[in-house]
Amino acid sequence: MSPSKPEKTFRLVKKASLAILVLGFALFVGRGTYGYVHGPSITIRGISNGATLTDPMIHISGTALYTKQLLVSGRSLALATDGSFDETILLHPGYNTISVIGQDQFGKTSSKTYALVVKDDSVTNVAMNNTTVPINNN
């Protein structure tokens, strides 16, 4: 004797409900493990690679997700509970690099490096006999 139509429908609904429950659980668990699998995620605002600046003080901020430790140019920064950070850095006249390195609890790292040039208006370079000599305008 074959099952009646209501019994078939009930079995189908039961199997579909179980499949949705298992899929939902897998997505929930998978979403929570993203940081463990992929390591730190760093987003930086207020700085662009290759920029030429006239002010040696630069303010950078951003978010470091899945990060236990954040280093900006070798200095450790404290992260807020949501992973955000704010920092002001004093650059030297000329060429500068700023490195941002995040490390998670498993040792995985993520890094970004920015090259910046600070233009110093107080120094003018004058070419004399194939050599460049800085002359201070102050």
Protein backbone atom coordinates (compact mmCIF):
# COMPACT_ATOMS: atom_id res chain seq x y z
CA MET A 1 0.00 0.00 0.00
CA SER A 2 1.44 3.37 -1.05
CA PRO A 3 1.27 6.44 1.20
CA SER A 4 -1.59 8.83 0.67
CA LYS A 5 -1.10 12.29 -0.78
CA PRO A 6 -1.20 14.06 2.66
CA GLU A 7 1.45 11.62 3.99
CA LYS A 8 3.70 12.31 0.97
CA THR A 9 3.28 16.05 1.46
CA PHE A 10 4.07 15.75 5.18
CA ARG A 11 7.26 13.76 4.44
CA LEU A 12 8.31 16.28 1.79
CA VAL A 13 7.74 19.22 4.16
CA LYS A 14 9.66 17.40 6.90
CA LYS A 15 12.64 16.73 4.60
CA ALA A 16 12.61 20.32 3.27
CA SER A 17 12.48 21.72 6.83
CA LEU A 18 15.41 19.56 7.86
CA ALA A 19 17.40 20.63 4.80
CA ILE A 20 16.70 24.34 5.51
CA LEU A 21 17.70 23.87 9.16
CA VAL A 22 20.98 22.15 8.23
CA LEU A 23 21.77 24.78 5.58
CA GLY A 24 20.99 27.63 8.01
CA PHE A 25 23.23 26.10 10.66
CA ALA A 26 26.06 25.64 8.14
CA LEU A 27 25.78 29.28 7.04
CA PHE A 28 25.72 30.47 10.66
CA VAL A 29 28.82 28.48 11.57
CA GLY A 30 30.57 29.35 8.30
CA ARG A 31 30.00 33.06 8.81
CA GLY A 32 31.63 32.90 12.23
CA THR A 33 34.70 31.09 10.94
CA TYR A 34 35.51 33.55 8.12
CA GLY A 35 38.07 35.41 10.22
CA TYR A 36 39.77 32.21 11.32
CA VAL A 37 40.19 31.04 7.75
CA HIS A 38 41.11 34.31 6.01
CA GLY A 39 43.06 36.16 8.72
CA PRO A 40 43.00 39.89 9.48
CA SER A 41 41.08 42.35 7.33
CA ILE A 42 42.41 45.93 7.36
CA THR A 43 40.68 48.98 5.87
CA ILE A 44 42.55 52.32 5.91
CA ARG A 45 41.06 55.81 5.49
CA GLY A 46 42.85 59.16 5.22
CA ILE A 47 45.89 58.02 3.26
CA SER A 48 46.59 57.18 -0.36
CA ASN A 49 49.67 55.50 -1.80
CA GLY A 50 51.97 57.84 -3.73
CA ALA A 51 50.49 61.06 -2.34
CA THR A 52 52.54 64.25 -2.10
CA LEU A 53 51.82 66.20 1.08
CA THR A 54 52.72 69.67 2.29
CA ASP A 55 51.80 69.04 5.94
CA PRO A 56 54.07 66.53 7.71
CA MET A 57 51.27 65.57 10.14
CA ILE A 58 49.00 62.90 8.68
CA HIS A 59 45.89 61.45 10.29
CA ILE A 60 44.97 57.87 9.44
CA SER A 61 42.04 55.87 10.65
CA GLY A 62 40.44 52.61 9.74
CA THR A 63 39.16 49.25 10.84
CA ALA A 64 41.08 46.08 11.59
CA LEU A 65 38.77 43.07 11.81
CA TYR A 66 39.86 39.67 13.14
CA THR A 67 43.01 41.35 14.45
CA LYS A 68 44.71 40.74 17.78
CA GLN A 69 47.62 43.16 17.24
CA LEU A 70 47.97 46.14 14.90
CA LEU A 71 51.32 47.76 14.11
CA VAL A 72 51.57 51.09 12.29
CA SER A 73 55.15 51.77 11.19
CA GLY A 74 56.39 49.42 13.91
CA ARG A 75 54.34 50.96 16.72
CA SER A 76 51.54 48.99 18.36
CA LEU A 77 48.10 50.63 18.28
CA ALA A 78 45.18 49.94 20.58
CA LEU A 79 42.02 48.87 18.79
CA ALA A 80 38.50 49.83 19.88
CA THR A 81 36.07 46.99 20.57
CA ASP A 82 34.66 47.33 17.05
CA GLY A 83 38.19 47.12 15.54
CA SER A 84 38.47 50.81 14.67
CA PHE A 85 41.62 52.87 15.18
CA ASP A 86 42.78 56.49 14.84
CA GLU A 87 46.36 57.71 14.69
CA THR A 88 48.27 60.87 13.83
CA ILE A 89 51.79 60.39 12.47
CA LEU A 90 54.55 62.96 12.01
CA LEU A 91 56.42 62.39 8.76
CA HIS A 92 59.89 63.56 7.74
CA PRO A 93 60.45 65.89 4.78
CA GLY A 94 60.97 63.84 1.65
CA TYR A 95 60.13 60.17 1.05
CA ASN A 96 58.28 58.22 3.78
CA THR A 97 56.74 54.76 4.03
CA ILE A 98 53.96 53.81 6.40
CA SER A 99 53.35 50.12 6.97
CA VAL A 100 50.21 48.76 8.62
CA ILE A 101 50.43 45.15 9.78
CA GLY A 102 47.65 43.21 11.46
CA GLN A 103 48.07 39.83 13.13
CA ASP A 104 45.32 37.52 14.31
CA GLN A 105 45.36 35.11 17.24
CA PHE A 106 46.64 32.29 15.01
CA GLY A 107 49.63 34.23 13.67
CA LYS A 108 48.19 35.04 10.25
CA THR A 109 49.14 38.53 9.07
CA SER A 110 47.80 41.08 6.64
CA SER A 111 49.73 44.19 5.66
CA LYS A 112 49.49 47.36 3.63
CA THR A 113 52.32 49.74 2.78
CA TYR A 114 51.97 53.35 1.67
CA ALA A 115 54.67 55.52 0.08
CA LEU A 116 54.30 59.25 0.73
CA VAL A 117 56.34 62.32 -0.11
CA VAL A 118 56.33 65.36 2.16
CA LYS A 119 57.23 68.48 0.24
CA ASP A 120 59.34 70.84 2.35
CA ASP A 121 58.81 74.42 1.14
CA SER A 122 61.57 75.76 3.40
CA VAL A 123 64.29 74.05 1.35
CA THR A 124 65.06 74.86 -2.27
CA ASN A 125 67.46 72.71 -4.22
CA VAL A 126 69.95 74.51 -6.46
CA ALA A 127 72.07 72.68 -9.02
CA MET A 128 75.72 73.73 -9.01
CA ASN A 129 78.39 71.92 -11.04
CA ASN A 130 76.24 68.78 -11.49
CA THR A 131 75.50 68.49 -7.73
CA THR A 132 72.30 69.46 -5.96
CA VAL A 133 72.74 71.70 -2.93
CA PRO A 134 69.81 72.49 -0.56
CA ILE A 135 69.38 76.16 0.33
CA ASN A 136 67.28 76.99 3.38
CA ASN A 137 64.70 79.73 2.60
CA ASN A 138 64.16 80.68 6.25
